[in-house]
Amino acid sequence: MNILQLHMPSRPLRLAWSCAGLLATAGAALAGPISSAGPGPLPAMPLRATPVVAAQAPDNVVTTGVPFSYLNIVGAVFQGRNDGVGFNTGKPGCVYTTAGNARLTFKAVLPDGALVKYVRIFYYDTSGSDMTVWLTDYDGAGNNNDLAMVSSSGNGGFGTALSADLNYTVNHYANALALVATPSVLDSTQQLCGVRIAYYDPLDIDTIFKNGFD
């Protein structure tokens, strides 16, 4: 019996395909909380500022011989989770709440089968309290599970904070993923500037386990 074997493309080939797709698209165009529980127009995207906060270990340290992949989301695309949530853009790339229950959300689109390791937030905070960001999954039947929680710290302006290690495997068939930010003030003294999720690409996971990673 002949068995047809299908091989997934290598990462360089996938990147080449992605670049080709982006070029084709461009051508066509020219033509303190207990949990995360608790719409508005998409804010205009401000110009990107020079990064003020350098990335910190451990979410940029290679310990398995395979580098992390990243999903990096600018804060300015987050929207109010409920009607009545007022929000506005502040520092370049950042967003803050002005009214309502102060919950902002945005989708987390990761490859099916990816192994999520860390969630890092970037923020601007001169307030006297902290902001919390959650990575949460939803099963479509009214149930949700908070996978990671990371909070701002201090009141010195720009900063960054890192979650604990997750080891969460993405399963799009069973769950949808979203980020939920819960600022504790309703003014520009506390702003979400970005969220970066570190994960292992599904095509790299076999290599990681072959090298003895558990």
C-alpha atoms as a PDB file:
ATOM      1  CA  MET A   1       0.000   0.000   0.000  1.00  0.00           C
ATOM      2  CA  ASN A   2       1.349   3.413  -0.940  1.00  0.00           C
ATOM      3  CA  ILE A   3       0.973   6.028   1.780  1.00  0.00           C
ATOM      4  CA  LEU A   4       0.978   9.666   0.805  1.00  0.00           C
ATOM      5  CA  GLN A   5       3.140  11.601   3.241  1.00  0.00           C
ATOM      6  CA  LEU A   6       2.478  15.290   3.695  1.00  0.00           C
ATOM      7  CA  HIS A   7       5.292  17.397   5.093  1.00  0.00           C
ATOM      8  CA  MET A   8       4.780  20.785   6.677  1.00  0.00           C
ATOM      9  CA  PRO A   9       6.863  23.533   5.010  1.00  0.00           C
ATOM     10  CA  SER A  10       9.960  24.757   6.794  1.00  0.00           C
ATOM     11  CA  ARG A  11       9.914  28.052   8.706  1.00  0.00           C
ATOM     12  CA  PRO A  12      12.015  29.862   5.996  1.00  0.00           C
ATOM     13  CA  LEU A  13       9.567  28.647   3.326  1.00  0.00           C
ATOM     14  CA  ARG A  14       6.579  29.745   5.395  1.00  0.00           C
ATOM     15  CA  LEU A  15       8.168  33.156   5.891  1.00  0.00           C
ATOM     16  CA  ALA A  16       8.751  33.416   2.127  1.00  0.00           C
ATOM     17  CA  TRP A  17       5.117  32.574   1.458  1.00  0.00           C
ATOM     18  CA  SER A  18       3.995  35.137   4.060  1.00  0.00           C
ATOM     19  CA  CYS A  19       6.132  37.860   2.491  1.00  0.00           C
ATOM     20  CA  ALA A  20       4.743  37.001  -0.946  1.00  0.00           C
ATOM     21  CA  GLY A  21       1.209  37.257   0.416  1.00  0.00           C
ATOM     22  CA  LEU A  22       1.891  40.637   2.007  1.00  0.00           C
ATOM     23  CA  LEU A  23       3.364  41.983  -1.244  1.00  0.00           C
ATOM     24  CA  ALA A  24       0.362  40.728  -3.194  1.00  0.00           C
ATOM     25  CA  THR A  25      -2.019  42.382  -0.746  1.00  0.00           C
ATOM     26  CA  ALA A  26      -0.144  45.669  -0.931  1.00  0.00           C
ATOM     27  CA  GLY A  27      -0.241  45.562  -4.741  1.00  0.00           C
ATOM     28  CA  ALA A  28      -3.986  44.943  -4.710  1.00  0.00           C
ATOM     29  CA  ALA A  29      -4.510  47.840  -2.337  1.00  0.00           C
ATOM     30  CA  LEU A  30      -2.556  50.163  -4.614  1.00  0.00           C
ATOM     31  CA  ALA A  31      -4.696  49.016  -7.244  1.00  0.00           C
ATOM     32  CA  GLY A  32      -6.260  44.004  41.797  1.00  0.00           C
ATOM     33  CA  PRO A  33      -8.945  41.964  40.373  1.00  0.00           C
ATOM     34  CA  ILE A  34     -10.322  38.482  41.053  1.00  0.00           C
ATOM     35  CA  SER A  35     -10.773  37.536  37.418  1.00  0.00           C
ATOM     36  CA  SER A  36     -10.930  39.058  33.936  1.00  0.00           C
ATOM     37  CA  ALA A  37     -14.770  39.073  33.955  1.00  0.00           C
ATOM     38  CA  GLY A  38     -16.601  42.386  34.497  1.00  0.00           C
ATOM     39  CA  PRO A  39     -17.716  48.100  21.691  1.00  0.00           C
ATOM     40  CA  GLY A  40     -16.642  51.056  20.727  1.00  0.00           C
ATOM     41  CA  PRO A  41     -14.910  52.490  17.659  1.00  0.00           C
ATOM     42  CA  LEU A  42     -11.348  51.359  16.992  1.00  0.00           C
ATOM     43  CA  PRO A  43      -9.000  54.201  18.015  1.00  0.00           C
ATOM     44  CA  ALA A  44      -6.731  55.713  15.389  1.00  0.00           C
ATOM     45  CA  MET A  45      -3.265  54.161  15.407  1.00  0.00           C
ATOM     46  CA  PRO A  46      -0.620  56.693  16.468  1.00  0.00           C
ATOM     47  CA  LEU A  47       2.819  56.809  14.892  1.00  0.00           C
ATOM     48  CA  ARG A  48       5.254  54.316  16.379  1.00  0.00           C
ATOM     49  CA  ALA A  49       7.608  55.777  18.960  1.00  0.00           C
ATOM     50  CA  THR A  50      11.193  54.768  19.624  1.00  0.00           C
ATOM     51  CA  PRO A  51      11.057  51.983  22.246  1.00  0.00           C
ATOM     52  CA  VAL A  52      11.869  53.271  25.699  1.00  0.00           C
ATOM     53  CA  VAL A  53      11.816  49.928  27.506  1.00  0.00           C
ATOM     54  CA  ALA A  54      14.204  47.175  26.500  1.00  0.00           C
ATOM     55  CA  ALA A  55      12.996  43.552  26.464  1.00  0.00           C
ATOM     56  CA  GLN A  56      13.868  41.632  29.608  1.00  0.00           C
ATOM     57  CA  ALA A  57      14.716  37.977  30.297  1.00  0.00           C
ATOM     58  CA  PRO A  58      13.463  35.291  30.445  1.00  0.00           C
ATOM     59  CA  ASP A  59      11.116  35.663  27.483  1.00  0.00           C
ATOM     60  CA  ASN A  60      13.974  36.416  25.104  1.00  0.00           C
ATOM     61  CA  VAL A  61      16.398  33.725  26.306  1.00  0.00           C
ATOM     62  CA  VAL A  62      16.802  30.548  24.249  1.00  0.00           C
ATOM     63  CA  THR A  63      17.087  27.534  26.583  1.00  0.00           C
ATOM     64  CA  THR A  64      15.887  24.727  24.295  1.00  0.00           C
ATOM     65  CA  GLY A  65      17.882  25.420  21.129  1.00  0.00           C
ATOM     66  CA  VAL A  66      14.706  26.820  19.530  1.00  0.00           C
ATOM     67  CA  PRO A  67      13.869  30.541  19.719  1.00  0.00           C
ATOM     68  CA  PHE A  68      10.480  31.858  20.779  1.00  0.00           C
ATOM     69  CA  SER A  69       8.054  33.284  18.283  1.00  0.00           C
ATOM     70  CA  TYR A  70       6.144  36.403  19.333  1.00  0.00           C
ATOM     71  CA  LEU A  71       2.756  38.005  18.963  1.00  0.00           C
ATOM     72  CA  ASN A  72       3.275  41.706  19.669  1.00  0.00           C
ATOM     73  CA  ILE A  73       0.130  43.854  19.990  1.00  0.00           C
ATOM     74  CA  VAL A  74       0.205  47.628  20.302  1.00  0.00           C
ATOM     75  CA  GLY A  75      -1.974  48.998  23.099  1.00  0.00           C
ATOM     76  CA  ALA A  76      -3.780  51.485  20.847  1.00  0.00           C
ATOM     77  CA  VAL A  77      -5.830  48.737  19.145  1.00  0.00           C
ATOM     78  CA  PHE A  78      -7.522  47.628  22.402  1.00  0.00           C
ATOM     79  CA  GLN A  79     -11.225  48.533  22.599  1.00  0.00           C
ATOM     80  CA  GLY A  80     -13.823  48.879  25.324  1.00  0.00           C
ATOM     81  CA  ARG A  81     -15.134  45.485  26.363  1.00  0.00           C
ATOM     82  CA  ASN A  82     -18.595  46.775  27.275  1.00  0.00           C
ATOM     83  CA  ASP A  83     -20.888  49.593  26.215  1.00  0.00           C
ATOM     84  CA  GLY A  84     -20.125  52.699  28.222  1.00  0.00           C
ATOM     85  CA  VAL A  85     -16.383  52.092  28.463  1.00  0.00           C
ATOM     86  CA  GLY A  86     -14.688  55.303  27.418  1.00  0.00           C
ATOM     87  CA  PHE A  87     -11.129  55.116  26.110  1.00  0.00           C
ATOM     88  CA  ASN A  88      -8.628  57.243  24.269  1.00  0.00           C
ATOM     89  CA  THR A  89      -5.105  57.099  22.913  1.00  0.00           C
ATOM     90  CA  GLY A  90      -2.366  58.739  24.952  1.00  0.00           C
ATOM     91  CA  LYS A  91       1.370  58.207  24.636  1.00  0.00           C
ATOM     92  CA  PRO A  92       2.339  56.920  21.155  1.00  0.00           C
ATOM     93  CA  GLY A  93       0.866  53.430  20.787  1.00  0.00           C
ATOM     94  CA  CYS A  94      -0.859  53.522  24.192  1.00  0.00           C
ATOM     95  CA  VAL A  95      -4.498  53.551  25.300  1.00  0.00           C
ATOM     96  CA  TYR A  96      -6.229  54.528  28.556  1.00  0.00           C
ATOM     97  CA  THR A  97      -9.769  54.415  29.924  1.00  0.00           C
ATOM     98  CA  THR A  98     -11.905  57.461  30.676  1.00  0.00           C
ATOM     99  CA  ALA A  99     -15.293  56.065  31.780  1.00  0.00           C
ATOM    100  CA  GLY A 100     -17.250  52.905  32.562  1.00  0.00           C
ATOM    101  CA  ASN A 101     -15.980  49.665  34.093  1.00  0.00           C
ATOM    102  CA  ALA A 102     -12.465  50.214  32.680  1.00  0.00           C
ATOM    103  CA  ARG A 103     -12.095  46.933  30.789  1.00  0.00           C
ATOM    104  CA  LEU A 104     -10.346  46.845  27.438  1.00  0.00           C
ATOM    105  CA  THR A 105      -9.981  43.800  25.205  1.00  0.00           C
ATOM    106  CA  PHE A 106      -8.367  42.552  22.010  1.00  0.00           C
ATOM    107  CA  LYS A 107      -8.164  39.167  20.280  1.00  0.00           C
ATOM    108  CA  ALA A 108      -5.038  37.010  20.647  1.00  0.00           C
ATOM    109  CA  VAL A 109      -4.515  35.233  17.316  1.00  0.00           C
ATOM    110  CA  LEU A 110      -1.893  32.491  17.731  1.00  0.00           C
ATOM    111  CA  PRO A 111      -1.163  29.424  15.572  1.00  0.00           C
ATOM    112  CA  ASP A 112      -3.194  26.331  16.402  1.00  0.00           C
ATOM    113  CA  GLY A 113      -0.996  23.994  18.441  1.00  0.00           C
ATOM    114  CA  ALA A 114       1.353  26.763  19.616  1.00  0.00           C
ATOM    115  CA  LEU A 115       2.809  26.378  23.114  1.00  0.00           C
ATOM    116  CA  VAL A 116       2.341  29.694  24.949  1.00  0.00           C
ATOM    117  CA  LYS A 117       5.054  30.456  27.506  1.00  0.00           C
ATOM    118  CA  TYR A 118       4.866  34.081  28.682  1.00  0.00           C
ATOM    119  CA  VAL A 119       2.773  37.238  28.486  1.00  0.00           C
ATOM    120  CA  ARG A 120       4.610  40.548  28.816  1.00  0.00           C
ATOM    121  CA  ILE A 121       2.942  43.938  29.141  1.00  0.00           C
ATOM    122  CA  PHE A 122       4.339  47.366  28.356  1.00  0.00           C
ATOM    123  CA  TYR A 123       2.741  50.314  30.108  1.00  0.00           C
ATOM    124  CA  TYR A 124       2.922  53.925  31.181  1.00  0.00           C
ATOM    125  CA  ASP A 125       1.914  54.423  34.827  1.00  0.00           C
ATOM    126  CA  THR A 126       2.271  57.447  37.092  1.00  0.00           C
ATOM    127  CA  SER A 127      -0.824  56.626  39.162  1.00  0.00           C
ATOM    128  CA  GLY A 128      -0.861  55.287  42.691  1.00  0.00           C
ATOM    129  CA  SER A 129      -2.326  51.897  41.704  1.00  0.00           C
ATOM    130  CA  ASP A 130      -1.678  49.053  39.262  1.00  0.00           C
ATOM    131  CA  MET A 131      -3.214  47.826  36.000  1.00  0.00           C
ATOM    132  CA  THR A 132      -3.734  44.109  35.282  1.00  0.00           C
ATOM    133  CA  VAL A 133      -3.806  42.269  31.942  1.00  0.00           C
ATOM    134  CA  TRP A 134      -5.243  38.774  31.517  1.00  0.00           C
ATOM    135  CA  LEU A 135      -4.884  36.159  28.801  1.00  0.00           C
ATOM    136  CA  THR A 136      -8.187  34.276  28.852  1.00  0.00           C
ATOM    137  CA  ASP A 137      -9.765  31.458  26.845  1.00  0.00           C
ATOM    138  CA  TYR A 138     -13.482  31.043  26.126  1.00  0.00           C
ATOM    139  CA  ASP A 139     -15.321  27.845  25.158  1.00  0.00           C
ATOM    140  CA  GLY A 140     -18.362  29.478  23.530  1.00  0.00           C
ATOM    141  CA  ALA A 141     -20.710  28.007  26.156  1.00  0.00           C
ATOM    142  CA  GLY A 142     -20.361  30.789  28.707  1.00  0.00           C
ATOM    143  CA  ASN A 143     -17.213  29.465  30.359  1.00  0.00           C
ATOM    144  CA  ASN A 144     -13.827  31.163  30.523  1.00  0.00           C
ATOM    145  CA  ASN A 145     -10.455  30.368  32.036  1.00  0.00           C
ATOM    146  CA  ASP A 146      -7.879  33.003  33.026  1.00  0.00           C
ATOM    147  CA  LEU A 147      -4.575  31.562  31.818  1.00  0.00           C
ATOM    148  CA  ALA A 148      -2.186  34.336  32.802  1.00  0.00           C
ATOM    149  CA  MET A 149      -2.269  37.514  34.861  1.00  0.00           C
ATOM    150  CA  VAL A 150       0.381  40.225  34.816  1.00  0.00           C
ATOM    151  CA  SER A 151       0.236  43.631  36.512  1.00  0.00           C
ATOM    152  CA  SER A 152       2.024  46.942  36.250  1.00  0.00           C
ATOM    153  CA  SER A 153       4.151  48.058  39.166  1.00  0.00           C
ATOM    154  CA  GLY A 154       5.194  51.414  40.571  1.00  0.00           C
ATOM    155  CA  ASN A 155       4.454  54.894  39.282  1.00  0.00           C
ATOM    156  CA  GLY A 156       7.648  55.832  37.459  1.00  0.00           C
ATOM    157  CA  GLY A 157       6.191  56.154  33.958  1.00  0.00           C
ATOM    158  CA  PHE A 158       7.103  53.618  31.278  1.00  0.00           C
ATOM    159  CA  GLY A 159       7.626  50.052  32.474  1.00  0.00           C
ATOM    160  CA  THR A 160       7.263  46.387  31.614  1.00  0.00           C
ATOM    161  CA  ALA A 161       6.172  43.269  33.537  1.00  0.00           C
ATOM    162  CA  LEU A 162       6.210  39.547  32.801  1.00  0.00           C
ATOM    163  CA  SER A 163       3.788  36.745  33.672  1.00  0.00           C
ATOM    164  CA  ALA A 164       4.698  33.381  35.130  1.00  0.00           C
ATOM    165  CA  ASP A 165       5.450  30.492  32.756  1.00  0.00           C
ATOM    166  CA  LEU A 166       2.200  29.199  31.191  1.00  0.00           C
ATOM    167  CA  ASN A 167       2.842  26.021  29.138  1.00  0.00           C
ATOM    168  CA  TYR A 168      -0.582  26.462  27.489  1.00  0.00           C
ATOM    169  CA  THR A 169      -1.278  24.736  24.155  1.00  0.00           C
ATOM    170  CA  VAL A 170      -3.530  26.643  21.758  1.00  0.00           C
ATOM    171  CA  ASN A 171      -6.560  24.637  20.578  1.00  0.00           C
ATOM    172  CA  HIS A 172      -8.753  26.673  18.242  1.00  0.00           C
ATOM    173  CA  TYR A 173     -11.320  23.879  17.982  1.00  0.00           C
ATOM    174  CA  ALA A 174     -12.052  24.024  21.717  1.00  0.00           C
ATOM    175  CA  ASN A 175     -11.362  27.630  22.757  1.00  0.00           C
ATOM    176  CA  ALA A 176     -10.984  31.213  21.578  1.00  0.00           C
ATOM    177  CA  LEU A 177      -8.336  33.485  23.116  1.00  0.00           C
ATOM    178  CA  ALA A 178      -8.527  37.143  24.113  1.00  0.00           C
ATOM    179  CA  LEU A 179      -6.549  39.652  26.140  1.00  0.00           C
ATOM    180  CA  VAL A 180      -8.395  41.685  28.781  1.00  0.00           C
ATOM    181  CA  ALA A 181      -6.836  44.776  30.351  1.00  0.00           C
ATOM    182  CA  THR A 182      -8.251  46.192  33.588  1.00  0.00           C
ATOM    183  CA  PRO A 183      -6.847  49.659  34.362  1.00  0.00           C
ATOM    184  CA  SER A 184      -7.578  50.856  37.899  1.00  0.00           C
ATOM    185  CA  VAL A 185      -7.970  54.564  37.054  1.00  0.00           C
ATOM    186  CA  LEU A 186      -9.971  56.473  34.448  1.00  0.00           C
ATOM    187  CA  ASP A 187      -7.375  58.906  33.173  1.00  0.00           C
ATOM    188  CA  SER A 188      -4.110  59.130  31.269  1.00  0.00           C
ATOM    189  CA  THR A 189      -1.902  58.453  34.305  1.00  0.00           C
ATOM    190  CA  GLN A 190      -2.258  54.701  33.555  1.00  0.00           C
ATOM    191  CA  GLN A 191      -1.902  53.538  29.958  1.00  0.00           C
ATOM    192  CA  LEU A 192      -1.515  50.172  28.235  1.00  0.00           C
ATOM    193  CA  CYS A 193       1.177  50.466  25.576  1.00  0.00           C
ATOM    194  CA  GLY A 194       1.476  46.877  24.380  1.00  0.00           C
ATOM    195  CA  VAL A 195       1.280  43.155  25.060  1.00  0.00           C
ATOM    196  CA  ARG A 196       3.811  40.632  23.803  1.00  0.00           C
ATOM    197  CA  ILE A 197       3.101  36.895  23.920  1.00  0.00           C
ATOM    198  CA  ALA A 198       6.077  34.522  23.690  1.00  0.00           C
ATOM    199  CA  TYR A 199       5.296  31.069  22.295  1.00  0.00           C
ATOM    200  CA  TYR A 200       6.825  28.084  20.527  1.00  0.00           C
ATOM    201  CA  ASP A 201       5.687  27.699  16.938  1.00  0.00           C
ATOM    202  CA  PRO A 202       3.929  24.343  16.320  1.00  0.00           C
ATOM    203  CA  LEU A 203       6.553  23.434  13.710  1.00  0.00           C
ATOM    204  CA  ASP A 204       9.290  23.798  16.332  1.00  0.00           C
ATOM    205  CA  ILE A 205       7.664  21.770  19.100  1.00  0.00           C
ATOM    206  CA  ASP A 206       8.816  18.388  17.756  1.00  0.00           C
ATOM    207  CA  THR A 207      12.393  19.674  17.788  1.00  0.00           C
ATOM    208  CA  ILE A 208      12.008  20.910  21.367  1.00  0.00           C
ATOM    209  CA  PHE A 209      10.732  17.572  22.673  1.00  0.00           C
ATOM    210  CA  LYS A 210      13.340  15.662  20.670  1.00  0.00           C
ATOM    211  CA  ASN A 211      15.992  17.686  22.516  1.00  0.00           C
ATOM    212  CA  GLY A 212      14.558  16.677  25.894  1.00  0.00           C
ATOM    213  CA  PHE A 213      12.325  19.646  26.766  1.00  0.00           C
ATOM    214  CA  ASP A 214       9.402  18.831  29.099  1.00  0.00           C
END
